[in-house]
Amino acid sequence: MMGYFAVVGDVHGHMNKMVALLQAWEKQQRKKLKFVLQVGDFEPHRHEADTLTMAASSQHRQLGDFADYYQKTKHFPWPIYFIAGNHEPHGFLDENPQGFYATDNCYYLGRAGKKDV
């Protein structure tokens, strides 16, 4: 079965903006996405402490929207698969370098890994 997927990068914690843009594309194109591949700088910060483990100056360390998805007050409408970029909460991601579900419908692919979809 054929389907569509999106590839996005440099979300930098703006999950709501990413979701809104992809939902607008779906509406405009009248097509549904099967999944989203996020290719770095996703910044899935669960809380302020996660921002302290990212490689960035203090002015660029912002919590972003991921906390809402992590706390399950918001949900990703498609499966999200992501790889780490240089601006990630490495303290969080390095807990499971082989990959794991960072929250519902959001899977970190790990340092070197794969996920059957």
PDB file of N, CA and C in Angstrom:
ATOM      1  N   MET A   1       0.833  -1.176   0.000  1.00  0.00           N
ATOM      2  CA  MET A   1       0.000   0.000   0.000  1.00  0.00           C
ATOM      3  C   MET A   1       0.880   1.242   0.000  1.00  0.00           C
ATOM      4  N   MET A   2       0.679   2.080  -0.955  1.00  0.00           N
ATOM      5  CA  MET A   2       1.444   3.323  -1.071  1.00  0.00           C
ATOM      6  C   MET A   2       0.899   4.349  -0.089  1.00  0.00           C
ATOM      7  N   GLY A   3       1.731   5.273   0.253  1.00  0.00           N
ATOM      8  CA  GLY A   3       1.304   6.341   1.138  1.00  0.00           C
ATOM      9  C   GLY A   3       2.295   7.480   1.092  1.00  0.00           C
ATOM     10  N   TYR A   4       1.965   8.513   1.802  1.00  0.00           N
ATOM     11  CA  TYR A   4       2.794   9.701   1.845  1.00  0.00           C
ATOM     12  C   TYR A   4       3.434   9.828   3.216  1.00  0.00           C
ATOM     13  N   PHE A   5       4.636  10.384   3.217  1.00  0.00           N
ATOM     14  CA  PHE A   5       5.296  10.707   4.468  1.00  0.00           C
ATOM     15  C   PHE A   5       5.986  12.048   4.292  1.00  0.00           C
ATOM     16  N   ALA A   6       6.265  12.688   5.392  1.00  0.00           N
ATOM     17  CA  ALA A   6       6.944  13.985   5.362  1.00  0.00           C
ATOM     18  C   ALA A   6       8.322  13.835   5.991  1.00  0.00           C
ATOM     19  N   VAL A   7       9.261  14.601   5.479  1.00  0.00           N
ATOM     20  CA  VAL A   7      10.598  14.693   6.055  1.00  0.00           C
ATOM     21  C   VAL A   7      10.778  16.141   6.485  1.00  0.00           C
ATOM     22  N   VAL A   8      11.054  16.336   7.766  1.00  0.00           N
ATOM     23  CA  VAL A   8      11.234  17.688   8.292  1.00  0.00           C
ATOM     24  C   VAL A   8      12.513  17.739   9.117  1.00  0.00           C
ATOM     25  N   GLY A   9      13.056  18.902   9.244  1.00  0.00           N
ATOM     26  CA  GLY A   9      14.252  19.088  10.055  1.00  0.00           C
ATOM     27  C   GLY A   9      14.208  20.417  10.781  1.00  0.00           C
ATOM     28  N   ASP A  10      15.060  20.541  11.760  1.00  0.00           N
ATOM     29  CA  ASP A  10      15.232  21.790  12.489  1.00  0.00           C
ATOM     30  C   ASP A  10      13.927  22.337  13.077  1.00  0.00           C
ATOM     31  N   VAL A  11      13.182  21.467  13.713  1.00  0.00           N
ATOM     32  CA  VAL A  11      11.937  21.869  14.376  1.00  0.00           C
ATOM     33  C   VAL A  11      12.251  22.744  15.597  1.00  0.00           C
ATOM     34  N   HIS A  12      13.368  22.482  16.245  1.00  0.00           N
ATOM     35  CA  HIS A  12      13.832  23.255  17.409  1.00  0.00           C
ATOM     36  C   HIS A  12      12.746  23.467  18.456  1.00  0.00           C
ATOM     37  N   GLY A  13      12.031  22.381  18.778  1.00  0.00           N
ATOM     38  CA  GLY A  13      11.049  22.425  19.849  1.00  0.00           C
ATOM     39  C   GLY A  13       9.693  22.993  19.480  1.00  0.00           C
ATOM     40  N   HIS A  14       9.520  23.409  18.234  1.00  0.00           N
ATOM     41  CA  HIS A  14       8.249  23.991  17.795  1.00  0.00           C
ATOM     42  C   HIS A  14       7.343  22.892  17.214  1.00  0.00           C
ATOM     43  N   MET A  15       6.971  21.954  18.081  1.00  0.00           N
ATOM     44  CA  MET A  15       6.157  20.816  17.643  1.00  0.00           C
ATOM     45  C   MET A  15       4.791  21.266  17.134  1.00  0.00           C
ATOM     46  N   ASN A  16       4.171  22.223  17.814  1.00  0.00           N
ATOM     47  CA  ASN A  16       2.847  22.688  17.385  1.00  0.00           C
ATOM     48  C   ASN A  16       2.892  23.285  15.983  1.00  0.00           C
ATOM     49  N   LYS A  17       3.939  24.027  15.699  1.00  0.00           N
ATOM     50  CA  LYS A  17       4.086  24.632  14.363  1.00  0.00           C
ATOM     51  C   LYS A  17       4.282  23.533  13.309  1.00  0.00           C
ATOM     52  N   MET A  18       5.111  22.534  13.625  1.00  0.00           N
ATOM     53  CA  MET A  18       5.325  21.423  12.701  1.00  0.00           C
ATOM     54  C   MET A  18       4.000  20.719  12.411  1.00  0.00           C
ATOM     55  N   VAL A  19       3.245  20.399  13.465  1.00  0.00           N
ATOM     56  CA  VAL A  19       1.966  19.707  13.295  1.00  0.00           C
ATOM     57  C   VAL A  19       1.013  20.559  12.457  1.00  0.00           C
ATOM     58  N   ALA A  20       0.914  21.842  12.754  1.00  0.00           N
ATOM     59  CA  ALA A  20       0.004  22.722  12.011  1.00  0.00           C
ATOM     60  C   ALA A  20       0.373  22.800  10.531  1.00  0.00           C
ATOM     61  N   LEU A  21       1.669  22.920  10.238  1.00  0.00           N
ATOM     62  CA  LEU A  21       2.098  22.988   8.836  1.00  0.00           C
ATOM     63  C   LEU A  21       1.791  21.697   8.083  1.00  0.00           C
ATOM     64  N   LEU A  22       2.036  20.560   8.734  1.00  0.00           N
ATOM     65  CA  LEU A  22       1.770  19.281   8.062  1.00  0.00           C
ATOM     66  C   LEU A  22       0.273  19.022   7.917  1.00  0.00           C
ATOM     67  N   GLN A  23      -0.523  19.420   8.898  1.00  0.00           N
ATOM     68  CA  GLN A  23      -1.977  19.276   8.762  1.00  0.00           C
ATOM     69  C   GLN A  23      -2.513  20.187   7.664  1.00  0.00           C
ATOM     70  N   ALA A  24      -1.945  21.375   7.516  1.00  0.00           N
ATOM     71  CA  ALA A  24      -2.350  22.276   6.433  1.00  0.00           C
ATOM     72  C   ALA A  24      -2.017  21.663   5.079  1.00  0.00           C
ATOM     73  N   TRP A  25      -0.841  21.021   4.983  1.00  0.00           N
ATOM     74  CA  TRP A  25      -0.485  20.340   3.734  1.00  0.00           C
ATOM     75  C   TRP A  25      -1.490  19.238   3.425  1.00  0.00           C
ATOM     76  N   GLU A  26      -1.830  18.430   4.425  1.00  0.00           N
ATOM     77  CA  GLU A  26      -2.808  17.355   4.223  1.00  0.00           C
ATOM     78  C   GLU A  26      -4.140  17.914   3.711  1.00  0.00           C
ATOM     79  N   LYS A  27      -4.595  18.974   4.315  1.00  0.00           N
ATOM     80  CA  LYS A  27      -5.871  19.573   3.920  1.00  0.00           C
ATOM     81  C   LYS A  27      -5.803  20.123   2.502  1.00  0.00           C
ATOM     82  N   GLN A  28      -4.733  20.845   2.214  1.00  0.00           N
ATOM     83  CA  GLN A  28      -4.581  21.450   0.886  1.00  0.00           C
ATOM     84  C   GLN A  28      -4.451  20.385  -0.204  1.00  0.00           C
ATOM     85  N   GLN A  29      -3.673  19.352   0.061  1.00  0.00           N
ATOM     86  CA  GLN A  29      -3.423  18.315  -0.942  1.00  0.00           C
ATOM     87  C   GLN A  29      -4.483  17.210  -0.942  1.00  0.00           C
ATOM     88  N   ARG A  30      -5.316  17.194   0.087  1.00  0.00           N
ATOM     89  CA  ARG A  30      -6.324  16.137   0.263  1.00  0.00           C
ATOM     90  C   ARG A  30      -5.678  14.755   0.277  1.00  0.00           C
ATOM     91  N   LYS A  31      -4.578  14.690   1.040  1.00  0.00           N
ATOM     92  CA  LYS A  31      -3.830  13.450   1.197  1.00  0.00           C
ATOM     93  C   LYS A  31      -3.488  13.298   2.665  1.00  0.00           C
ATOM     94  N   LYS A  32      -3.322  12.085   3.104  1.00  0.00           N
ATOM     95  CA  LYS A  32      -2.991  11.799   4.499  1.00  0.00           C
ATOM     96  C   LYS A  32      -1.556  11.299   4.590  1.00  0.00           C
ATOM     97  N   LEU A  33      -0.856  11.756   5.594  1.00  0.00           N
ATOM     98  CA  LEU A  33       0.491  11.275   5.855  1.00  0.00           C
ATOM     99  C   LEU A  33       0.425   9.982   6.648  1.00  0.00           C
ATOM    100  N   LYS A  34       1.335   9.064   6.338  1.00  0.00           N
ATOM    101  CA  LYS A  34       1.436   7.822   7.109  1.00  0.00           C
ATOM    102  C   LYS A  34       2.358   8.000   8.313  1.00  0.00           C
ATOM    103  N   PHE A  35       3.422   8.806   8.129  1.00  0.00           N
ATOM    104  CA  PHE A  35       4.358   9.058   9.213  1.00  0.00           C
ATOM    105  C   PHE A  35       5.207  10.278   8.868  1.00  0.00           C
ATOM    106  N   VAL A  36       5.970  10.730   9.862  1.00  0.00           N
ATOM    107  CA  VAL A  36       6.873  11.871   9.689  1.00  0.00           C
ATOM    108  C   VAL A  36       8.267  11.427  10.117  1.00  0.00           C
ATOM    109  N   LEU A  37       9.252  11.724   9.286  1.00  0.00           N
ATOM    110  CA  LEU A  37      10.658  11.493   9.612  1.00  0.00           C
ATOM    111  C   LEU A  37      11.274  12.856   9.923  1.00  0.00           C
ATOM    112  N   GLN A  38      11.746  13.016  11.141  1.00  0.00           N
ATOM    113  CA  GLN A  38      12.357  14.271  11.572  1.00  0.00           C
ATOM    114  C   GLN A  38      13.860  14.025  11.621  1.00  0.00           C
ATOM    115  N   VAL A  39      14.606  14.835  10.875  1.00  0.00           N
ATOM    116  CA  VAL A  39      16.017  14.524  10.626  1.00  0.00           C
ATOM    117  C   VAL A  39      17.013  15.392  11.387  1.00  0.00           C
ATOM    118  N   GLY A  40      16.693  15.725  12.611  1.00  0.00           N
ATOM    119  CA  GLY A  40      17.659  16.402  13.466  1.00  0.00           C
ATOM    120  C   GLY A  40      17.190  17.744  13.975  1.00  0.00           C
ATOM    121  N   ASP A  41      17.672  18.085  15.157  1.00  0.00           N
ATOM    122  CA  ASP A  41      17.296  19.304  15.869  1.00  0.00           C
ATOM    123  C   ASP A  41      15.790  19.356  16.133  1.00  0.00           C
ATOM    124  N   PHE A  42      15.280  18.241  16.598  1.00  0.00           N
ATOM    125  CA  PHE A  42      13.875  18.117  16.998  1.00  0.00           C
ATOM    126  C   PHE A  42      13.653  18.807  18.346  1.00  0.00           C
ATOM    127  N   GLU A  43      14.577  18.637  19.265  1.00  0.00           N
ATOM    128  CA  GLU A  43      14.563  19.209  20.609  1.00  0.00           C
ATOM    129  C   GLU A  43      13.370  18.742  21.446  1.00  0.00           C
ATOM    130  N   PRO A  44      13.301  17.444  21.722  1.00  0.00           N
ATOM    131  CA  PRO A  44      12.217  16.933  22.572  1.00  0.00           C
ATOM    132  C   PRO A  44      12.528  17.123  24.060  1.00  0.00           C
ATOM    133  N   HIS A  45      12.444  18.354  24.521  1.00  0.00           N
ATOM    134  CA  HIS A  45      12.711  18.676  25.925  1.00  0.00           C
ATOM    135  C   HIS A  45      11.464  18.397  26.757  1.00  0.00           C
ATOM    136  N   ARG A  46      11.589  17.516  27.735  1.00  0.00           N
ATOM    137  CA  ARG A  46      10.460  17.167  28.608  1.00  0.00           C
ATOM    138  C   ARG A  46      10.218  18.236  29.653  1.00  0.00           C
ATOM    139  N   HIS A  47      11.290  18.860  30.108  1.00  0.00           N
ATOM    140  CA  HIS A  47      11.235  19.864  31.167  1.00  0.00           C
ATOM    141  C   HIS A  47      12.513  20.697  31.086  1.00  0.00           C
ATOM    142  N   GLU A  48      12.568  21.740  31.891  1.00  0.00           N
ATOM    143  CA  GLU A  48      13.704  22.673  31.839  1.00  0.00           C
ATOM    144  C   GLU A  48      15.055  21.974  32.032  1.00  0.00           C
ATOM    145  N   ALA A  49      15.103  20.943  32.871  1.00  0.00           N
ATOM    146  CA  ALA A  49      16.378  20.249  33.112  1.00  0.00           C
ATOM    147  C   ALA A  49      16.947  19.651  31.827  1.00  0.00           C
ATOM    148  N   ASP A  50      16.084  19.223  30.911  1.00  0.00           N
ATOM    149  CA  ASP A  50      16.568  18.680  29.630  1.00  0.00           C
ATOM    150  C   ASP A  50      17.319  19.723  28.824  1.00  0.00           C
ATOM    151  N   THR A  51      16.934  20.974  28.935  1.00  0.00           N
ATOM    152  CA  THR A  51      17.614  22.015  28.145  1.00  0.00           C
ATOM    153  C   THR A  51      19.072  22.187  28.571  1.00  0.00           C
ATOM    154  N   LEU A  52      19.389  21.778  29.788  1.00  0.00           N
ATOM    155  CA  LEU A  52      20.764  21.919  30.280  1.00  0.00           C
ATOM    156  C   LEU A  52      21.715  20.904  29.666  1.00  0.00           C
ATOM    157  N   THR A  53      21.172  19.852  29.031  1.00  0.00           N
ATOM    158  CA  THR A  53      22.035  18.827  28.440  1.00  0.00           C
ATOM    159  C   THR A  53      22.176  18.994  26.932  1.00  0.00           C
ATOM    160  N   MET A  54      21.716  20.106  26.388  1.00  0.00           N
ATOM    161  CA  MET A  54      21.890  20.329  24.949  1.00  0.00           C
ATOM    162  C   MET A  54      23.090  21.233  24.702  1.00  0.00           C
ATOM    163  N   ALA A  55      23.724  21.021  23.576  1.00  0.00           N
ATOM    164  CA  ALA A  55      24.896  21.801  23.202  1.00  0.00           C
ATOM    165  C   ALA A  55      24.437  23.095  22.539  1.00  0.00           C
ATOM    166  N   ALA A  56      24.222  24.108  23.363  1.00  0.00           N
ATOM    167  CA  ALA A  56      23.813  25.417  22.851  1.00  0.00           C
ATOM    168  C   ALA A  56      24.049  26.457  23.938  1.00  0.00           C
ATOM    169  N   SER A  57      24.171  27.687  23.526  1.00  0.00           N
ATOM    170  CA  SER A  57      24.318  28.757  24.510  1.00  0.00           C
ATOM    171  C   SER A  57      23.007  28.926  25.271  1.00  0.00           C
ATOM    172  N   SER A  58      23.084  29.509  26.442  1.00  0.00           N
ATOM    173  CA  SER A  58      21.899  29.626  27.300  1.00  0.00           C
ATOM    174  C   SER A  58      20.762  30.394  26.632  1.00  0.00           C
ATOM    175  N   GLN A  59      21.072  31.321  25.744  1.00  0.00           N
ATOM    176  CA  GLN A  59      20.021  32.084  25.065  1.00  0.00           C
ATOM    177  C   GLN A  59      19.206  31.218  24.097  1.00  0.00           C
ATOM    178  N   HIS A  60      19.754  30.081  23.671  1.00  0.00           N
ATOM    179  CA  HIS A  60      19.046  29.194  22.748  1.00  0.00           C
ATOM    180  C   HIS A  60      18.410  27.992  23.448  1.00  0.00           C
ATOM    181  N   ARG A  61      18.517  27.918  24.739  1.00  0.00           N
ATOM    182  CA  ARG A  61      17.940  26.800  25.500  1.00  0.00           C
ATOM    183  C   ARG A  61      16.525  27.160  25.923  1.00  0.00           C
ATOM    184  N   GLN A  62      15.564  26.703  25.130  1.00  0.00           N
ATOM    185  CA  GLN A  62      14.157  26.974  25.417  1.00  0.00           C
ATOM    186  C   GLN A  62      13.400  25.662  25.480  1.00  0.00           C
ATOM    187  N   LEU A  63      12.415  25.599  26.349  1.00  0.00           N
ATOM    188  CA  LEU A  63      11.677  24.367  26.571  1.00  0.00           C
ATOM    189  C   LEU A  63      10.940  23.896  25.319  1.00  0.00           C
ATOM    190  N   GLY A  64      10.247  24.743  24.640  1.00  0.00           N
ATOM    191  CA  GLY A  64       9.498  24.344  23.455  1.00  0.00           C
ATOM    192  C   GLY A  64       8.192  23.647  23.804  1.00  0.00           C
ATOM    193  N   ASP A  65       7.571  23.035  22.792  1.00  0.00           N
ATOM    194  CA  ASP A  65       6.237  22.441  22.913  1.00  0.00           C
ATOM    195  C   ASP A  65       6.228  20.963  23.286  1.00  0.00           C
ATOM    196  N   PHE A  66       7.369  20.296  23.249  1.00  0.00           N
ATOM    197  CA  PHE A  66       7.376  18.849  23.445  1.00  0.00           C
ATOM    198  C   PHE A  66       6.822  18.439  24.800  1.00  0.00           C
ATOM    199  N   ALA A  67       7.000  19.267  25.814  1.00  0.00           N
ATOM    200  CA  ALA A  67       6.507  18.928  27.155  1.00  0.00           C
ATOM    201  C   ALA A  67       5.009  18.612  27.132  1.00  0.00           C
ATOM    202  N   ASP A  68       4.243  19.314  26.308  1.00  0.00           N
ATOM    203  CA  ASP A  68       2.799  19.045  26.203  1.00  0.00           C
ATOM    204  C   ASP A  68       2.535  17.654  25.636  1.00  0.00           C
ATOM    205  N   TYR A  69       3.348  17.217  24.698  1.00  0.00           N
ATOM    206  CA  TYR A  69       3.194  15.888  24.106  1.00  0.00           C
ATOM    207  C   TYR A  69       3.687  14.823  25.085  1.00  0.00           C
ATOM    208  N   TYR A  70       4.745  15.124  25.795  1.00  0.00           N
ATOM    209  CA  TYR A  70       5.290  14.198  26.788  1.00  0.00           C
ATOM    210  C   TYR A  70       4.308  14.002  27.943  1.00  0.00           C
ATOM    211  N   GLN A  71       3.654  15.072  28.349  1.00  0.00           N
ATOM    212  CA  GLN A  71       2.671  14.999  29.439  1.00  0.00           C
ATOM    213  C   GLN A  71       1.298  14.537  28.947  1.00  0.00           C
ATOM    214  N   LYS A  72       1.205  14.303  27.644  1.00  0.00           N
ATOM    215  CA  LYS A  72       0.003  13.767  26.994  1.00  0.00           C
ATOM    216  C   LYS A  72      -1.197  14.706  27.030  1.00  0.00           C
ATOM    217  N   THR A  73      -0.925  16.010  27.079  1.00  0.00           N
ATOM    218  CA  THR A  73      -2.015  16.964  26.910  1.00  0.00           C
ATOM    219  C   THR A  73      -2.235  17.265  25.432  1.00  0.00           C
ATOM    220  N   LYS A  74      -1.252  16.895  24.599  1.00  0.00           N
ATOM    221  CA  LYS A  74      -1.357  16.966  23.138  1.00  0.00           C
ATOM    222  C   LYS A  74      -0.831  15.655  22.583  1.00  0.00           C
ATOM    223  N   HIS A  75      -1.252  15.327  21.350  1.00  0.00           N
ATOM    224  CA  HIS A  75      -0.853  14.063  20.723  1.00  0.00           C
ATOM    225  C   HIS A  75      -0.448  14.306  19.276  1.00  0.00           C
ATOM    226  N   PHE A  76       0.618  13.640  18.863  1.00  0.00           N
ATOM    227  CA  PHE A  76       1.019  13.717  17.460  1.00  0.00           C
ATOM    228  C   PHE A  76       0.008  12.934  16.625  1.00  0.00           C
ATOM    229  N   PRO A  77      -0.487  13.516  15.535  1.00  0.00           N
ATOM    230  CA  PRO A  77      -1.493  12.832  14.725  1.00  0.00           C
ATOM    231  C   PRO A  77      -0.960  11.696  13.851  1.00  0.00           C
ATOM    232  N   TRP A  78       0.353  11.599  13.713  1.00  0.00           N
ATOM    233  CA  TRP A  78       0.988  10.534  12.935  1.00  0.00           C
ATOM    234  C   TRP A  78       2.188  10.040  13.734  1.00  0.00           C
ATOM    235  N   PRO A  79       2.688   8.887  13.414  1.00  0.00           N
ATOM    236  CA  PRO A  79       3.948   8.458  14.040  1.00  0.00           C
ATOM    237  C   PRO A  79       5.079   9.398  13.618  1.00  0.00           C
ATOM    238  N   ILE A  80       5.864   9.799  14.587  1.00  0.00           N
ATOM    239  CA  ILE A  80       7.052  10.631  14.354  1.00  0.00           C
ATOM    240  C   ILE A  80       8.262   9.747  14.628  1.00  0.00           C
ATOM    241  N   TYR A  81       9.201   9.707  13.695  1.00  0.00           N
ATOM    242  CA  TYR A  81      10.464   8.994  13.875  1.00  0.00           C
ATOM    243  C   TYR A  81      11.559  10.044  13.748  1.00  0.00           C
ATOM    244  N   PHE A  82      12.441  10.102  14.749  1.00  0.00           N
ATOM    245  CA  PHE A  82      13.450  11.159  14.681  1.00  0.00           C
ATOM    246  C   PHE A  82      14.839  10.653  15.012  1.00  0.00           C
ATOM    247  N   ILE A  83      15.809  11.360  14.444  1.00  0.00           N
ATOM    248  CA  ILE A  83      17.215  11.141  14.742  1.00  0.00           C
ATOM    249  C   ILE A  83      17.722  12.384  15.468  1.00  0.00           C
ATOM    250  N   ALA A  84      18.816  12.243  16.157  1.00  0.00           N
ATOM    251  CA  ALA A  84      19.352  13.364  16.923  1.00  0.00           C
ATOM    252  C   ALA A  84      20.189  14.283  16.041  1.00  0.00           C
ATOM    253  N   GLY A  85      20.064  15.548  16.310  1.00  0.00           N
ATOM    254  CA  GLY A  85      20.933  16.556  15.722  1.00  0.00           C
ATOM    255  C   GLY A  85      21.868  17.056  16.809  1.00  0.00           C
ATOM    256  N   ASN A  86      22.500  18.174  16.560  1.00  0.00           N
ATOM    257  CA  ASN A  86      23.423  18.702  17.558  1.00  0.00           C
ATOM    258  C   ASN A  86      22.717  19.479  18.664  1.00  0.00           C
ATOM    259  N   HIS A  87      21.466  19.861  18.483  1.00  0.00           N
ATOM    260  CA  HIS A  87      20.715  20.608  19.492  1.00  0.00           C
ATOM    261  C   HIS A  87      19.611  19.743  20.089  1.00  0.00           C
ATOM    262  N   GLU A  88      19.992  18.705  20.757  1.00  0.00           N
ATOM    263  CA  GLU A  88      19.024  17.792  21.371  1.00  0.00           C
ATOM    264  C   GLU A  88      19.300  17.703  22.869  1.00  0.00           C
ATOM    265  N   PRO A  89      18.325  17.229  23.645  1.00  0.00           N
ATOM    266  CA  PRO A  89      18.572  16.961  25.064  1.00  0.00           C
ATOM    267  C   PRO A  89      19.300  15.625  25.191  1.00  0.00           C
ATOM    268  N   HIS A  90      20.603  15.654  24.985  1.00  0.00           N
ATOM    269  CA  HIS A  90      21.372  14.413  24.924  1.00  0.00           C
ATOM    270  C   HIS A  90      21.314  13.625  26.226  1.00  0.00           C
ATOM    271  N   GLY A  91      21.141  14.293  27.351  1.00  0.00           N
ATOM    272  CA  GLY A  91      20.987  13.571  28.611  1.00  0.00           C
ATOM    273  C   GLY A  91      19.785  12.644  28.572  1.00  0.00           C
ATOM    274  N   PHE A  92      18.690  13.082  27.988  1.00  0.00           N
ATOM    275  CA  PHE A  92      17.464  12.286  27.836  1.00  0.00           C
ATOM    276  C   PHE A  92      17.662  11.193  26.788  1.00  0.00           C
ATOM    277  N   LEU A  93      18.136  11.561  25.615  1.00  0.00           N
ATOM    278  CA  LEU A  93      18.254  10.593  24.515  1.00  0.00           C
ATOM    279  C   LEU A  93      19.329   9.549  24.778  1.00  0.00           C
ATOM    280  N   ASP A  94      20.395   9.922  25.469  1.00  0.00           N
ATOM    281  CA  ASP A  94      21.481   8.985  25.733  1.00  0.00           C
ATOM    282  C   ASP A  94      21.120   7.926  26.781  1.00  0.00           C
ATOM    283  N   GLU A  95      19.973   8.082  27.446  1.00  0.00           N
ATOM    284  CA  GLU A  95      19.516   7.047  28.372  1.00  0.00           C
ATOM    285  C   GLU A  95      19.201   5.748  27.632  1.00  0.00           C
ATOM    286  N   ASN A  96      18.823   5.874  26.362  1.00  0.00           N
ATOM    287  CA  ASN A  96      18.491   4.722  25.524  1.00  0.00           C
ATOM    288  C   ASN A  96      19.068   4.931  24.128  1.00  0.00           C
ATOM    289  N   PRO A  97      20.381   4.786  23.969  1.00  0.00           N
ATOM    290  CA  PRO A  97      21.012   5.078  22.677  1.00  0.00           C
ATOM    291  C   PRO A  97      20.564   4.154  21.546  1.00  0.00           C
ATOM    292  N   GLN A  98      19.934   3.031  21.876  1.00  0.00           N
ATOM    293  CA  GLN A  98      19.455   2.112  20.844  1.00  0.00           C
ATOM    294  C   GLN A  98      18.112   2.555  20.275  1.00  0.00           C
ATOM    295  N   GLY A  99      17.450   3.543  20.896  1.00  0.00           N
ATOM    296  CA  GLY A  99      16.156   4.039  20.445  1.00  0.00           C
ATOM    297  C   GLY A  99      15.050   3.681  21.424  1.00  0.00           C
ATOM    298  N   PHE A 100      13.988   4.472  21.430  1.00  0.00           N
ATOM    299  CA  PHE A 100      12.865   4.259  22.345  1.00  0.00           C
ATOM    300  C   PHE A 100      11.746   5.228  21.994  1.00  0.00           C
ATOM    301  N   TYR A 101      10.570   4.964  22.551  1.00  0.00           N
ATOM    302  CA  TYR A 101       9.460   5.902  22.416  1.00  0.00           C
ATOM    303  C   TYR A 101       9.669   7.039  23.400  1.00  0.00           C
ATOM    304  N   ALA A 102       9.891   8.247  22.895  1.00  0.00           N
ATOM    305  CA  ALA A 102      10.067   9.416  23.742  1.00  0.00           C
ATOM    306  C   ALA A 102       8.734   9.840  24.345  1.00  0.00           C
ATOM    307  N   THR A 103       7.666   9.573  23.644  1.00  0.00           N
ATOM    308  CA  THR A 103       6.289   9.748  24.098  1.00  0.00           C
ATOM    309  C   THR A 103       5.411   8.994  23.105  1.00  0.00           C
ATOM    310  N   ASP A 104       4.126   8.998  23.336  1.00  0.00           N
ATOM    311  CA  ASP A 104       3.224   8.295  22.422  1.00  0.00           C
ATOM    312  C   ASP A 104       3.414   8.790  20.992  1.00  0.00           C
ATOM    313  N   ASN A 105       3.504   7.859  20.061  1.00  0.00           N
ATOM    314  CA  ASN A 105       3.578   8.169  18.632  1.00  0.00           C
ATOM    315  C   ASN A 105       4.828   8.950  18.256  1.00  0.00           C
ATOM    316  N   CYS A 106       5.880   8.845  19.047  1.00  0.00           N
ATOM    317  CA  CYS A 106       7.111   9.599  18.794  1.00  0.00           C
ATOM    318  C   CYS A 106       8.311   8.737  19.193  1.00  0.00           C
ATOM    319  N   TYR A 107       9.026   8.232  18.186  1.00  0.00           N
ATOM    320  CA  TYR A 107      10.083   7.259  18.399  1.00  0.00           C
ATOM    321  C   TYR A 107      11.453   7.829  18.031  1.00  0.00           C
ATOM    322  N   TYR A 108      12.380   7.764  18.987  1.00  0.00           N
ATOM    323  CA  TYR A 108      13.774   8.135  18.735  1.00  0.00           C
ATOM    324  C   TYR A 108      14.464   6.924  18.124  1.00  0.00           C
ATOM    325  N   LEU A 109      15.056   7.090  16.954  1.00  0.00           N
ATOM    326  CA  LEU A 109      15.684   5.984  16.240  1.00  0.00           C
ATOM    327  C   LEU A 109      17.029   5.570  16.820  1.00  0.00           C
ATOM    328  N   GLY A 110      17.578   6.330  17.736  1.00  0.00           N
ATOM    329  CA  GLY A 110      18.835   5.966  18.363  1.00  0.00           C
ATOM    330  C   GLY A 110      20.043   6.459  17.599  1.00  0.00           C
ATOM    331  N   ARG A 111      21.196   6.147  18.159  1.00  0.00           N
ATOM    332  CA  ARG A 111      22.462   6.571  17.539  1.00  0.00           C
ATOM    333  C   ARG A 111      22.662   5.890  16.190  1.00  0.00           C
ATOM    334  N   ALA A 112      22.299   4.630  16.132  1.00  0.00           N
ATOM    335  CA  ALA A 112      22.360   3.874  14.879  1.00  0.00           C
ATOM    336  C   ALA A 112      21.332   2.772  15.012  1.00  0.00           C
ATOM    337  N   GLY A 113      20.229   2.933  14.340  1.00  0.00           N
ATOM    338  CA  GLY A 113      19.195   1.933  14.512  1.00  0.00           C
ATOM    339  C   GLY A 113      18.160   1.994  13.416  1.00  0.00           C
ATOM    340  N   LYS A 114      17.130   1.210  13.622  1.00  0.00           N
ATOM    341  CA  LYS A 114      16.040   1.149  12.660  1.00  0.00           C
ATOM    342  C   LYS A 114      14.746   0.852  13.404  1.00  0.00           C
ATOM    343  N   LYS A 115      13.667   1.112  12.758  1.00  0.00           N
ATOM    344  CA  LYS A 115      12.353   0.826  13.324  1.00  0.00           C
ATOM    345  C   LYS A 115      11.480   0.362  12.165  1.00  0.00           C
ATOM    346  N   ASP A 116      10.917  -0.836  12.288  1.00  0.00           N
ATOM    347  CA  ASP A 116       9.994  -1.310  11.273  1.00  0.00           C
ATOM    348  C   ASP A 116       8.693  -0.523  11.376  1.00  0.00           C
ATOM    349  N   VAL A 117       8.250   0.009  10.258  1.00  0.00           N
ATOM    350  CA  VAL A 117       7.006   0.798  10.259  1.00  0.00           C
ATOM    351  C   VAL A 117       5.957   0.181   9.373  1.00  0.00           C
TER     352      VAL A 117
END
